[in-house]
Amino acid sequence: MTFKHLALYNYYMPRKPRIHYTGAVYHVILRGNAGQNIFFDTADRYKYFHLLQEGIERFNHSIHAFCLMSNHVHLVIQVNDIPLSRVMHNLNFRYTAYLNRRMKTSGHIFQGRYKAILVEADNYLVELIRYIHNNPVVAGIVMSPDNYRWSSHSVYIGKIDVTWLTTAWGLSFFSQKRNRAIEKYQLFIKHGLTETPMDLADEVVEGYFLGSEKFINRIKKLSGQKTTFKRTIDEIIDKVCENYNLEKKDVIGPGKKRLLSEARTMVAWIVRENKHLSLTDLSKIVKRTVSGLSSAVGRLEKTARNNSKLAGKMEKLK
């Protein structure tokens, strides 16, 4: 990843400016105004594809994944020298003009400013692609992503060809051999429906970053933003150990005793409550899966609803 031409593009003031650097990867989400549909038939979706292709040719960015739902869109966009703001302004303006002409209406099509999450691709790209491709299944529209024609999943498995979509990077995480990569990718997608995948919503920091603390600090430093981290994971572990009168090595170790498990889950809960931290970073320290930690936190919160002593301890530690 290169950080050449790092800059802040502060548009739509006084909102928080987007961070731009060459090679930046964003998860972009656009929603219909007031939850209304933005696609009404096949022609609308093909028009949107055509505009995506023209945007790539004009602004020299890459799209690594997409999913067009009836009332919202997911895109994974990697920019070059031209910032995301110009890419999205052009796309939204042209599609809004098209749809207003076709529907004989006027006004906004999309709900306010699009959401763009800056992604640490080396650690999160494939999880993000899986989340996007399984979106129609989770929404109950189809039983399998194989059956949804308006996402890039069919391109990844070689079912259809979309020349403007870039799949090489995503597939390279599975194997350097294309056929083997597709095979492993399909298993990865399937496991996301039968097992508990990483909860990306829990991993987003400050509503804008999907990445490790190291990645976020680096980006902020290079962009001139002040870091706002108030607590580190190590500090949280130390404080929980102090409260439970336990040794740190036991809490982060393999022990399964009730008190150790509760303390470890308490750490996970506090990490999740602090938006600048992530369960992914904690999982590497305690040698547990993110899904396992997330499930344990859910059980802790459920128990605390009927256990005032536990609830009080949680509030005190938080």
C-alpha atoms as a PDB file:
ATOM      1  CA  MET A   1       0.000   0.000   0.000  1.00  0.00           C
ATOM      2  CA  THR A   2       1.308   3.432  -0.917  1.00  0.00           C
ATOM      3  CA  PHE A   3       0.599   6.668   0.937  1.00  0.00           C
ATOM      4  CA  LYS A   4       1.702   8.941  -1.895  1.00  0.00           C
ATOM      5  CA  HIS A   5      -0.296  12.135  -2.309  1.00  0.00           C
ATOM      6  CA  LEU A   6      -1.955  11.783   1.096  1.00  0.00           C
ATOM      7  CA  ALA A   7      -4.382  14.649   1.602  1.00  0.00           C
ATOM      8  CA  LEU A   8      -7.633  15.713   3.177  1.00  0.00           C
ATOM      9  CA  TYR A   9     -10.536  16.557   0.908  1.00  0.00           C
ATOM     10  CA  ASN A  10     -12.871  18.631   2.997  1.00  0.00           C
ATOM     11  CA  TYR A  11     -16.106  18.978   1.090  1.00  0.00           C
ATOM     12  CA  TYR A  12     -19.660  19.480   2.306  1.00  0.00           C
ATOM     13  CA  MET A  13     -18.287  21.478   5.274  1.00  0.00           C
ATOM     14  CA  PRO A  14     -18.559  21.376   8.231  1.00  0.00           C
ATOM     15  CA  ARG A  15     -18.748  17.581   8.028  1.00  0.00           C
ATOM     16  CA  LYS A  16     -15.684  15.503   8.780  1.00  0.00           C
ATOM     17  CA  PRO A  17     -13.378  15.466   5.737  1.00  0.00           C
ATOM     18  CA  ARG A  18     -12.628  12.291   3.826  1.00  0.00           C
ATOM     19  CA  ILE A  19      -9.094  11.009   3.975  1.00  0.00           C
ATOM     20  CA  HIS A  20      -7.535  10.382   0.591  1.00  0.00           C
ATOM     21  CA  TYR A  21      -4.292   8.721  -0.439  1.00  0.00           C
ATOM     22  CA  THR A  22      -3.254   6.835  -3.533  1.00  0.00           C
ATOM     23  CA  GLY A  23      -4.336   3.206  -3.156  1.00  0.00           C
ATOM     24  CA  ALA A  24      -6.942   3.842  -0.433  1.00  0.00           C
ATOM     25  CA  VAL A  25      -9.735   1.249  -0.277  1.00  0.00           C
ATOM     26  CA  TYR A  26     -13.253   2.238   0.798  1.00  0.00           C
ATOM     27  CA  HIS A  27     -16.445   0.382   1.573  1.00  0.00           C
ATOM     28  CA  VAL A  28     -19.033   2.716   0.075  1.00  0.00           C
ATOM     29  CA  ILE A  29     -22.714   2.454   0.993  1.00  0.00           C
ATOM     30  CA  LEU A  30     -25.443   4.471  -0.736  1.00  0.00           C
ATOM     31  CA  ARG A  31     -29.077   4.334   0.380  1.00  0.00           C
ATOM     32  CA  GLY A  32     -32.267   5.507  -1.252  1.00  0.00           C
ATOM     33  CA  ASN A  33     -33.804   8.703   0.101  1.00  0.00           C
ATOM     34  CA  ALA A  34     -36.086   7.832   3.050  1.00  0.00           C
ATOM     35  CA  GLY A  35     -35.412   4.150   2.392  1.00  0.00           C
ATOM     36  CA  GLN A  36     -37.056   4.262  -1.028  1.00  0.00           C
ATOM     37  CA  ASN A  37     -35.960   2.163  -3.992  1.00  0.00           C
ATOM     38  CA  ILE A  38     -33.224   3.409  -6.292  1.00  0.00           C
ATOM     39  CA  PHE A  39     -33.578   0.566  -8.804  1.00  0.00           C
ATOM     40  CA  PHE A  40     -36.951  -0.297 -10.308  1.00  0.00           C
ATOM     41  CA  ASP A  41     -36.107  -2.709 -13.107  1.00  0.00           C
ATOM     42  CA  THR A  42     -33.270  -4.418 -14.973  1.00  0.00           C
ATOM     43  CA  ALA A  43     -32.654  -1.361 -17.166  1.00  0.00           C
ATOM     44  CA  ASP A  44     -31.880   0.758 -14.091  1.00  0.00           C
ATOM     45  CA  ARG A  45     -29.277  -1.692 -12.872  1.00  0.00           C
ATOM     46  CA  TYR A  46     -27.630  -1.965 -16.268  1.00  0.00           C
ATOM     47  CA  LYS A  47     -27.525   1.823 -16.487  1.00  0.00           C
ATOM     48  CA  TYR A  48     -25.794   1.925 -13.109  1.00  0.00           C
ATOM     49  CA  PHE A  49     -23.264  -0.668 -14.312  1.00  0.00           C
ATOM     50  CA  HIS A  50     -22.613   1.459 -17.387  1.00  0.00           C
ATOM     51  CA  LEU A  51     -21.974   4.518 -15.199  1.00  0.00           C
ATOM     52  CA  LEU A  52     -19.625   2.517 -12.970  1.00  0.00           C
ATOM     53  CA  GLN A  53     -17.639   1.448 -16.026  1.00  0.00           C
ATOM     54  CA  GLU A  54     -17.462   5.006 -17.382  1.00  0.00           C
ATOM     55  CA  GLY A  55     -16.310   6.234 -13.970  1.00  0.00           C
ATOM     56  CA  ILE A  56     -13.446   3.727 -13.913  1.00  0.00           C
ATOM     57  CA  GLU A  57     -12.346   4.795 -17.384  1.00  0.00           C
ATOM     58  CA  ARG A  58     -12.511   8.484 -16.442  1.00  0.00           C
ATOM     59  CA  PHE A  59     -11.067   8.487 -12.912  1.00  0.00           C
ATOM     60  CA  ASN A  60      -8.739   5.476 -13.055  1.00  0.00           C
ATOM     61  CA  HIS A  61      -9.965   3.744  -9.884  1.00  0.00           C
ATOM     62  CA  SER A  62     -10.781   0.064  -9.281  1.00  0.00           C
ATOM     63  CA  ILE A  63     -13.917  -1.668  -8.046  1.00  0.00           C
ATOM     64  CA  HIS A  64     -13.270  -4.928  -6.192  1.00  0.00           C
ATOM     65  CA  ALA A  65     -16.851  -5.826  -5.258  1.00  0.00           C
ATOM     66  CA  PHE A  66     -20.414  -4.584  -5.616  1.00  0.00           C
ATOM     67  CA  CYS A  67     -23.962  -5.489  -4.678  1.00  0.00           C
ATOM     68  CA  LEU A  68     -27.008  -3.667  -5.998  1.00  0.00           C
ATOM     69  CA  MET A  69     -30.023  -4.097  -3.720  1.00  0.00           C
ATOM     70  CA  SER A  70     -33.369  -2.461  -4.435  1.00  0.00           C
ATOM     71  CA  ASN A  71     -32.868   0.469  -2.075  1.00  0.00           C
ATOM     72  CA  HIS A  72     -29.127   0.552  -1.451  1.00  0.00           C
ATOM     73  CA  VAL A  73     -25.723  -0.190  -2.978  1.00  0.00           C
ATOM     74  CA  HIS A  74     -22.468  -1.631  -1.643  1.00  0.00           C
ATOM     75  CA  LEU A  75     -19.199  -0.881  -3.451  1.00  0.00           C
ATOM     76  CA  VAL A  76     -15.558  -1.635  -2.652  1.00  0.00           C
ATOM     77  CA  ILE A  77     -13.595   1.106  -4.387  1.00  0.00           C
ATOM     78  CA  GLN A  78      -9.821   1.598  -4.530  1.00  0.00           C
ATOM     79  CA  VAL A  79      -8.824   5.065  -5.669  1.00  0.00           C
ATOM     80  CA  ASN A  80      -5.744   6.298  -7.472  1.00  0.00           C
ATOM     81  CA  ASP A  81      -4.792   9.996  -7.633  1.00  0.00           C
ATOM     82  CA  ILE A  82      -8.379  11.227  -7.927  1.00  0.00           C
ATOM     83  CA  PRO A  83     -10.222  11.267  -4.586  1.00  0.00           C
ATOM     84  CA  LEU A  84     -13.374   9.322  -3.835  1.00  0.00           C
ATOM     85  CA  SER A  85     -15.392  12.539  -3.570  1.00  0.00           C
ATOM     86  CA  ARG A  86     -15.074  13.235  -7.299  1.00  0.00           C
ATOM     87  CA  VAL A  87     -15.788   9.624  -8.210  1.00  0.00           C
ATOM     88  CA  MET A  88     -18.973   9.474  -6.145  1.00  0.00           C
ATOM     89  CA  HIS A  89     -20.209  12.960  -7.030  1.00  0.00           C
ATOM     90  CA  ASN A  90     -20.021  12.107 -10.723  1.00  0.00           C
ATOM     91  CA  LEU A  91     -21.703   8.716 -10.257  1.00  0.00           C
ATOM     92  CA  ASN A  92     -24.517   9.988  -8.046  1.00  0.00           C
ATOM     93  CA  PHE A  93     -25.183  13.096 -10.123  1.00  0.00           C
ATOM     94  CA  ARG A  94     -25.438  11.164 -13.397  1.00  0.00           C
ATOM     95  CA  TYR A  95     -27.601   8.349 -12.006  1.00  0.00           C
ATOM     96  CA  THR A  96     -29.933  10.821 -10.276  1.00  0.00           C
ATOM     97  CA  ALA A  97     -30.341  12.752 -13.520  1.00  0.00           C
ATOM     98  CA  TYR A  98     -31.051   9.509 -15.415  1.00  0.00           C
ATOM     99  CA  LEU A  99     -33.648   8.261 -12.940  1.00  0.00           C
ATOM    100  CA  ASN A 100     -35.403  11.624 -12.655  1.00  0.00           C
ATOM    101  CA  ARG A 101     -35.712  11.774 -16.447  1.00  0.00           C
ATOM    102  CA  ARG A 102     -37.019   8.221 -16.644  1.00  0.00           C
ATOM    103  CA  MET A 103     -39.492   8.563 -13.781  1.00  0.00           C
ATOM    104  CA  LYS A 104     -40.457  12.132 -14.727  1.00  0.00           C
ATOM    105  CA  THR A 105     -39.610  13.326 -11.227  1.00  0.00           C
ATOM    106  CA  SER A 106     -37.138  15.712  -9.638  1.00  0.00           C
ATOM    107  CA  GLY A 107     -35.134  15.925  -6.448  1.00  0.00           C
ATOM    108  CA  HIS A 108     -32.812  13.679  -4.488  1.00  0.00           C
ATOM    109  CA  ILE A 109     -32.551   9.965  -5.139  1.00  0.00           C
ATOM    110  CA  PHE A 110     -29.976   9.112  -2.488  1.00  0.00           C
ATOM    111  CA  GLN A 111     -30.232   9.631   1.264  1.00  0.00           C
ATOM    112  CA  GLY A 112     -27.831  12.414   2.157  1.00  0.00           C
ATOM    113  CA  ARG A 113     -24.097  11.879   2.009  1.00  0.00           C
ATOM    114  CA  TYR A 114     -22.885   8.413   1.059  1.00  0.00           C
ATOM    115  CA  LYS A 115     -21.098   6.414   3.764  1.00  0.00           C
ATOM    116  CA  ALA A 116     -17.444   5.590   3.079  1.00  0.00           C
ATOM    117  CA  ILE A 117     -15.394   3.424   5.435  1.00  0.00           C
ATOM    118  CA  LEU A 118     -11.620   3.408   4.948  1.00  0.00           C
ATOM    119  CA  VAL A 119     -10.487  -0.234   4.895  1.00  0.00           C
ATOM    120  CA  GLU A 120      -7.228  -1.934   5.850  1.00  0.00           C
ATOM    121  CA  ALA A 121      -7.470  -4.260   2.867  1.00  0.00           C
ATOM    122  CA  ASP A 122      -4.698  -6.678   3.846  1.00  0.00           C
ATOM    123  CA  ASN A 123      -6.684  -7.746   6.917  1.00  0.00           C
ATOM    124  CA  TYR A 124     -10.298  -7.047   5.973  1.00  0.00           C
ATOM    125  CA  LEU A 125     -10.818  -7.176   2.197  1.00  0.00           C
ATOM    126  CA  VAL A 126     -12.007 -10.783   1.930  1.00  0.00           C
ATOM    127  CA  GLU A 127     -14.271 -10.460   4.990  1.00  0.00           C
ATOM    128  CA  LEU A 128     -15.789  -7.353   3.425  1.00  0.00           C
ATOM    129  CA  ILE A 129     -16.304  -9.080   0.086  1.00  0.00           C
ATOM    130  CA  ARG A 130     -18.033 -11.990   1.846  1.00  0.00           C
ATOM    131  CA  TYR A 131     -20.260  -9.609   3.790  1.00  0.00           C
ATOM    132  CA  ILE A 132     -21.293  -7.805   0.594  1.00  0.00           C
ATOM    133  CA  HIS A 133     -21.874 -10.956  -1.469  1.00  0.00           C
ATOM    134  CA  ASN A 134     -23.943 -12.608   1.278  1.00  0.00           C
ATOM    135  CA  ASN A 135     -26.074  -9.482   1.743  1.00  0.00           C
ATOM    136  CA  PRO A 136     -28.958 -10.712  -0.470  1.00  0.00           C
ATOM    137  CA  VAL A 137     -29.024 -14.027   1.409  1.00  0.00           C
ATOM    138  CA  VAL A 138     -29.102 -12.347   4.820  1.00  0.00           C
ATOM    139  CA  ALA A 139     -31.903 -10.097   3.525  1.00  0.00           C
ATOM    140  CA  GLY A 140     -33.916 -13.198   2.600  1.00  0.00           C
ATOM    141  CA  ILE A 141     -34.013 -12.438  -1.130  1.00  0.00           C
ATOM    142  CA  VAL A 142     -32.226 -15.605  -2.296  1.00  0.00           C
ATOM    143  CA  MET A 143     -31.052 -18.849  -0.691  1.00  0.00           C
ATOM    144  CA  SER A 144     -27.546 -18.584  -2.126  1.00  0.00           C
ATOM    145  CA  PRO A 145     -25.403 -15.729  -3.485  1.00  0.00           C
ATOM    146  CA  ASP A 146     -25.073 -17.868  -6.628  1.00  0.00           C
ATOM    147  CA  ASN A 147     -28.702 -16.999  -7.370  1.00  0.00           C
ATOM    148  CA  TYR A 148     -28.353 -13.224  -7.097  1.00  0.00           C
ATOM    149  CA  ARG A 149     -27.463 -11.654 -10.428  1.00  0.00           C
ATOM    150  CA  TRP A 150     -26.766  -8.113  -9.216  1.00  0.00           C
ATOM    151  CA  SER A 151     -23.648  -8.710  -7.140  1.00  0.00           C
ATOM    152  CA  SER A 152     -20.030  -9.380  -8.114  1.00  0.00           C
ATOM    153  CA  HIS A 153     -20.170 -12.878  -6.602  1.00  0.00           C
ATOM    154  CA  SER A 154     -21.033 -14.404  -9.988  1.00  0.00           C
ATOM    155  CA  VAL A 155     -17.963 -12.738 -11.465  1.00  0.00           C
ATOM    156  CA  TYR A 156     -15.732 -14.130  -8.717  1.00  0.00           C
ATOM    157  CA  ILE A 157     -16.857 -17.705  -9.420  1.00  0.00           C
ATOM    158  CA  GLY A 158     -16.492 -17.258 -13.184  1.00  0.00           C
ATOM    159  CA  LYS A 159     -20.220 -17.511 -13.911  1.00  0.00           C
ATOM    160  CA  ILE A 160     -20.324 -14.183 -15.763  1.00  0.00           C
ATOM    161  CA  ASP A 161     -17.727 -11.736 -17.054  1.00  0.00           C
ATOM    162  CA  VAL A 162     -17.697  -8.060 -16.072  1.00  0.00           C
ATOM    163  CA  THR A 163     -14.624  -6.512 -17.645  1.00  0.00           C
ATOM    164  CA  TRP A 164     -14.507  -3.428 -15.413  1.00  0.00           C
ATOM    165  CA  LEU A 165     -14.541  -5.392 -12.136  1.00  0.00           C
ATOM    166  CA  THR A 166     -11.210  -6.306 -10.517  1.00  0.00           C
ATOM    167  CA  THR A 167     -11.250  -9.769  -8.906  1.00  0.00           C
ATOM    168  CA  ALA A 168      -7.548 -10.673  -8.983  1.00  0.00           C
ATOM    169  CA  TRP A 169      -6.670  -9.053  -5.663  1.00  0.00           C
ATOM    170  CA  GLY A 170      -9.569 -10.607  -3.764  1.00  0.00           C
ATOM    171  CA  LEU A 171      -8.921 -14.085  -5.176  1.00  0.00           C
ATOM    172  CA  SER A 172      -5.177 -13.818  -4.512  1.00  0.00           C
ATOM    173  CA  PHE A 173      -5.879 -14.114  -0.766  1.00  0.00           C
ATOM    174  CA  PHE A 174      -6.994 -17.703  -1.380  1.00  0.00           C
ATOM    175  CA  SER A 175      -4.448 -18.958  -3.929  1.00  0.00           C
ATOM    176  CA  GLN A 176      -2.190 -17.754  -6.747  1.00  0.00           C
ATOM    177  CA  LYS A 177      -3.821 -20.333  -9.023  1.00  0.00           C
ATOM    178  CA  ARG A 178      -7.161 -19.013 -10.252  1.00  0.00           C
ATOM    179  CA  ASN A 179      -9.125 -22.277 -10.238  1.00  0.00           C
ATOM    180  CA  ARG A 180      -7.901 -23.154  -6.752  1.00  0.00           C
ATOM    181  CA  ALA A 181      -8.601 -19.608  -5.552  1.00  0.00           C
ATOM    182  CA  ILE A 182     -12.202 -19.770  -6.824  1.00  0.00           C
ATOM    183  CA  GLU A 183     -12.697 -23.116  -5.106  1.00  0.00           C
ATOM    184  CA  LYS A 184     -11.421 -21.804  -1.767  1.00  0.00           C
ATOM    185  CA  TYR A 185     -13.371 -18.554  -2.187  1.00  0.00           C
ATOM    186  CA  GLN A 186     -16.642 -20.486  -2.644  1.00  0.00           C
ATOM    187  CA  LEU A 187     -16.011 -22.426   0.557  1.00  0.00           C
ATOM    188  CA  PHE A 188     -15.246 -19.181   2.368  1.00  0.00           C
ATOM    189  CA  ILE A 189     -18.537 -17.652   1.198  1.00  0.00           C
ATOM    190  CA  LYS A 190     -20.470 -20.793   2.178  1.00  0.00           C
ATOM    191  CA  HIS A 191     -18.932 -20.855   5.656  1.00  0.00           C
ATOM    192  CA  GLY A 192     -20.095 -17.285   6.141  1.00  0.00           C
ATOM    193  CA  LEU A 193     -23.697 -18.543   5.937  1.00  0.00           C
ATOM    194  CA  THR A 194     -23.316 -21.583   8.186  1.00  0.00           C
ATOM    195  CA  GLU A 195     -20.874 -20.210  10.755  1.00  0.00           C
ATOM    196  CA  THR A 196     -20.606 -16.897  12.623  1.00  0.00           C
ATOM    197  CA  PRO A 197     -18.490 -14.588  10.427  1.00  0.00           C
ATOM    198  CA  MET A 198     -16.605 -11.543  11.656  1.00  0.00           C
ATOM    199  CA  ASP A 199     -19.075  -8.855  12.715  1.00  0.00           C
ATOM    200  CA  LEU A 200     -17.803  -5.966  10.601  1.00  0.00           C
ATOM    201  CA  ALA A 201     -20.129  -3.511  12.312  1.00  0.00           C
ATOM    202  CA  ASP A 202     -18.303  -4.177  15.583  1.00  0.00           C
ATOM    203  CA  GLU A 203     -14.974  -3.655  13.849  1.00  0.00           C
ATOM    204  CA  VAL A 204     -15.646  -0.188  12.427  1.00  0.00           C
ATOM    205  CA  VAL A 205     -13.801   2.459  14.457  1.00  0.00           C
ATOM    206  CA  GLU A 206     -15.180   5.998  14.849  1.00  0.00           C
ATOM    207  CA  GLY A 207     -17.704   5.175  12.124  1.00  0.00           C
ATOM    208  CA  TYR A 208     -15.009   5.630   9.500  1.00  0.00           C
ATOM    209  CA  PHE A 209     -12.163   3.087   9.797  1.00  0.00           C
ATOM    210  CA  LEU A 210     -12.124  -0.684   9.315  1.00  0.00           C
ATOM    211  CA  GLY A 211      -8.642  -1.678  10.381  1.00  0.00           C
ATOM    212  CA  SER A 212      -6.181  -2.290  13.176  1.00  0.00           C
ATOM    213  CA  GLU A 213      -5.140   0.378  15.664  1.00  0.00           C
ATOM    214  CA  LYS A 214      -1.724   0.492  13.991  1.00  0.00           C
ATOM    215  CA  PHE A 215      -3.301   1.136  10.579  1.00  0.00           C
ATOM    216  CA  ILE A 216      -5.600   3.861  11.913  1.00  0.00           C
ATOM    217  CA  ASN A 217      -2.814   5.612  13.783  1.00  0.00           C
ATOM    218  CA  ARG A 218      -0.637   5.567  10.686  1.00  0.00           C
ATOM    219  CA  ILE A 219      -3.352   7.015   8.461  1.00  0.00           C
ATOM    220  CA  LYS A 220      -4.260   9.691  10.984  1.00  0.00           C
ATOM    221  CA  LYS A 221      -0.653  10.696  11.473  1.00  0.00           C
ATOM    222  CA  LEU A 222      -0.008  11.001   7.762  1.00  0.00           C
ATOM    223  CA  SER A 223      -3.230  12.912   7.197  1.00  0.00           C
ATOM    224  CA  GLY A 224      -2.571  15.353  10.016  1.00  0.00           C
ATOM    225  CA  GLN A 225      -5.502  14.227  12.146  1.00  0.00           C
ATOM    226  CA  LYS A 226      -5.120  13.970  15.887  1.00  0.00           C
ATOM    227  CA  THR A 227      -5.372  10.490  17.341  1.00  0.00           C
ATOM    228  CA  THR A 228      -8.188  10.186  19.855  1.00  0.00           C
ATOM    229  CA  PHE A 229      -7.406   6.836  21.423  1.00  0.00           C
ATOM    230  CA  LYS A 230      -7.934   7.048  25.174  1.00  0.00           C
ATOM    231  CA  ARG A 231      -7.323   3.443  26.170  1.00  0.00           C
ATOM    232  CA  THR A 232      -5.309   0.597  24.699  1.00  0.00           C
ATOM    233  CA  ILE A 233      -6.292  -3.060  24.839  1.00  0.00           C
ATOM    234  CA  ASP A 234      -3.367  -3.788  27.156  1.00  0.00           C
ATOM    235  CA  GLU A 235      -4.572  -1.079  29.560  1.00  0.00           C
ATOM    236  CA  ILE A 236      -8.073  -2.568  29.540  1.00  0.00           C
ATOM    237  CA  ILE A 237      -6.723  -6.056  30.251  1.00  0.00           C
ATOM    238  CA  ASP A 238      -4.615  -4.713  33.129  1.00  0.00           C
ATOM    239  CA  LYS A 239      -7.600  -2.897  34.664  1.00  0.00           C
ATOM    240  CA  VAL A 240      -9.878  -5.937  34.390  1.00  0.00           C
ATOM    241  CA  CYS A 241      -7.189  -8.161  35.940  1.00  0.00           C
ATOM    242  CA  GLU A 242      -6.849  -5.697  38.799  1.00  0.00           C
ATOM    243  CA  ASN A 243     -10.605  -5.690  39.345  1.00  0.00           C
ATOM    244  CA  TYR A 244     -10.872  -9.499  39.288  1.00  0.00           C
ATOM    245  CA  ASN A 245      -7.605  -9.981  41.212  1.00  0.00           C
ATOM    246  CA  LEU A 246      -6.216 -12.171  38.428  1.00  0.00           C
ATOM    247  CA  GLU A 247      -2.891 -12.477  36.651  1.00  0.00           C
ATOM    248  CA  LYS A 248      -2.748 -11.127  33.112  1.00  0.00           C
ATOM    249  CA  LYS A 249      -1.102 -14.298  31.794  1.00  0.00           C
ATOM    250  CA  ASP A 250      -4.078 -16.324  33.049  1.00  0.00           C
ATOM    251  CA  VAL A 251      -6.709 -14.053  31.504  1.00  0.00           C
ATOM    252  CA  ILE A 252      -5.064 -14.034  28.073  1.00  0.00           C
ATOM    253  CA  GLY A 253      -4.099 -17.712  28.371  1.00  0.00           C
ATOM    254  CA  PRO A 254      -6.043 -20.890  27.523  1.00  0.00           C
ATOM    255  CA  GLY A 255      -7.733 -21.241  30.937  1.00  0.00           C
ATOM    256  CA  LYS A 256     -11.473 -22.018  30.855  1.00  0.00           C
ATOM    257  CA  LYS A 257     -12.421 -21.550  34.524  1.00  0.00           C
ATOM    258  CA  ARG A 258     -15.558 -19.482  35.043  1.00  0.00           C
ATOM    259  CA  LEU A 259     -13.820 -16.481  36.594  1.00  0.00           C
ATOM    260  CA  LEU A 260     -11.154 -16.385  33.867  1.00  0.00           C
ATOM    261  CA  SER A 261     -13.795 -16.677  31.152  1.00  0.00           C
ATOM    262  CA  GLU A 262     -15.867 -13.890  32.698  1.00  0.00           C
ATOM    263  CA  ALA A 263     -12.850 -11.593  32.980  1.00  0.00           C
ATOM    264  CA  ARG A 264     -11.800 -12.328  29.403  1.00  0.00           C
ATOM    265  CA  THR A 265     -15.333 -11.659  28.163  1.00  0.00           C
ATOM    266  CA  MET A 266     -15.426  -8.440  30.184  1.00  0.00           C
ATOM    267  CA  VAL A 267     -12.298  -7.307  28.334  1.00  0.00           C
ATOM    268  CA  ALA A 268     -13.971  -8.149  25.012  1.00  0.00           C
ATOM    269  CA  TRP A 269     -17.093  -6.218  26.002  1.00  0.00           C
ATOM    270  CA  ILE A 270     -15.123  -3.106  26.948  1.00  0.00           C
ATOM    271  CA  VAL A 271     -13.075  -3.342  23.727  1.00  0.00           C
ATOM    272  CA  ARG A 272     -16.278  -3.547  21.688  1.00  0.00           C
ATOM    273  CA  GLU A 273     -17.774  -0.575  23.567  1.00  0.00           C
ATOM    274  CA  ASN A 274     -14.727   1.552  22.698  1.00  0.00           C
ATOM    275  CA  LYS A 275     -15.195   2.409  19.040  1.00  0.00           C
ATOM    276  CA  HIS A 276     -11.501   3.054  18.494  1.00  0.00           C
ATOM    277  CA  LEU A 277     -10.654  -0.568  19.354  1.00  0.00           C
ATOM    278  CA  SER A 278     -11.498  -3.842  17.618  1.00  0.00           C
ATOM    279  CA  LEU A 279     -12.184  -7.431  18.607  1.00  0.00           C
ATOM    280  CA  THR A 280      -9.830  -8.506  15.835  1.00  0.00           C
ATOM    281  CA  ASP A 281      -6.851  -6.999  17.652  1.00  0.00           C
ATOM    282  CA  LEU A 282      -8.009  -8.549  20.938  1.00  0.00           C
ATOM    283  CA  SER A 283      -8.429 -11.969  19.305  1.00  0.00           C
ATOM    284  CA  LYS A 284      -4.734 -11.986  18.414  1.00  0.00           C
ATOM    285  CA  ILE A 285      -3.796 -11.330  22.038  1.00  0.00           C
ATOM    286  CA  VAL A 286      -6.087 -13.869  23.717  1.00  0.00           C
ATOM    287  CA  LYS A 287      -5.836 -16.456  20.890  1.00  0.00           C
ATOM    288  CA  ARG A 288      -9.619 -16.638  20.431  1.00  0.00           C
ATOM    289  CA  THR A 289     -11.738 -16.153  17.329  1.00  0.00           C
ATOM    290  CA  VAL A 290     -13.568 -12.894  16.787  1.00  0.00           C
ATOM    291  CA  SER A 291     -16.877 -14.770  16.456  1.00  0.00           C
ATOM    292  CA  GLY A 292     -16.207 -16.593  19.734  1.00  0.00           C
ATOM    293  CA  LEU A 293     -15.469 -13.347  21.561  1.00  0.00           C
ATOM    294  CA  SER A 294     -18.520 -11.660  20.049  1.00  0.00           C
ATOM    295  CA  SER A 295     -20.780 -14.561  21.087  1.00  0.00           C
ATOM    296  CA  ALA A 296     -19.365 -14.501  24.619  1.00  0.00           C
ATOM    297  CA  VAL A 297     -20.073 -10.766  24.872  1.00  0.00           C
ATOM    298  CA  GLY A 298     -23.663 -11.425  23.798  1.00  0.00           C
ATOM    299  CA  ARG A 299     -24.077 -14.005  26.564  1.00  0.00           C
ATOM    300  CA  LEU A 300     -22.528 -11.629  29.114  1.00  0.00           C
ATOM    301  CA  GLU A 301     -24.950  -8.854  28.208  1.00  0.00           C
ATOM    302  CA  LYS A 302     -27.904 -11.259  28.400  1.00  0.00           C
ATOM    303  CA  THR A 303     -26.845 -12.454  31.864  1.00  0.00           C
ATOM    304  CA  ALA A 304     -26.338  -8.891  33.079  1.00  0.00           C
ATOM    305  CA  ARG A 305     -29.983  -8.032  32.358  1.00  0.00           C
ATOM    306  CA  ASN A 306     -31.046 -10.236  35.270  1.00  0.00           C
ATOM    307  CA  ASN A 307     -27.916  -9.884  37.404  1.00  0.00           C
ATOM    308  CA  SER A 308     -27.579  -6.434  38.967  1.00  0.00           C
ATOM    309  CA  LYS A 309     -24.212  -7.273  40.538  1.00  0.00           C
ATOM    310  CA  LEU A 310     -22.702  -8.180  37.171  1.00  0.00           C
ATOM    311  CA  ALA A 311     -24.332  -5.175  35.506  1.00  0.00           C
ATOM    312  CA  GLY A 312     -22.839  -2.893  38.148  1.00  0.00           C
ATOM    313  CA  LYS A 313     -19.401  -4.388  37.643  1.00  0.00           C
ATOM    314  CA  MET A 314     -19.675  -3.866  33.886  1.00  0.00           C
ATOM    315  CA  GLU A 315     -20.691  -0.241  34.279  1.00  0.00           C
ATOM    316  CA  LYS A 316     -17.885   0.426  36.760  1.00  0.00           C
ATOM    317  CA  LEU A 317     -15.245  -1.065  34.486  1.00  0.00           C
ATOM    318  CA  LYS A 318     -16.596   0.728  31.423  1.00  0.00           C
END
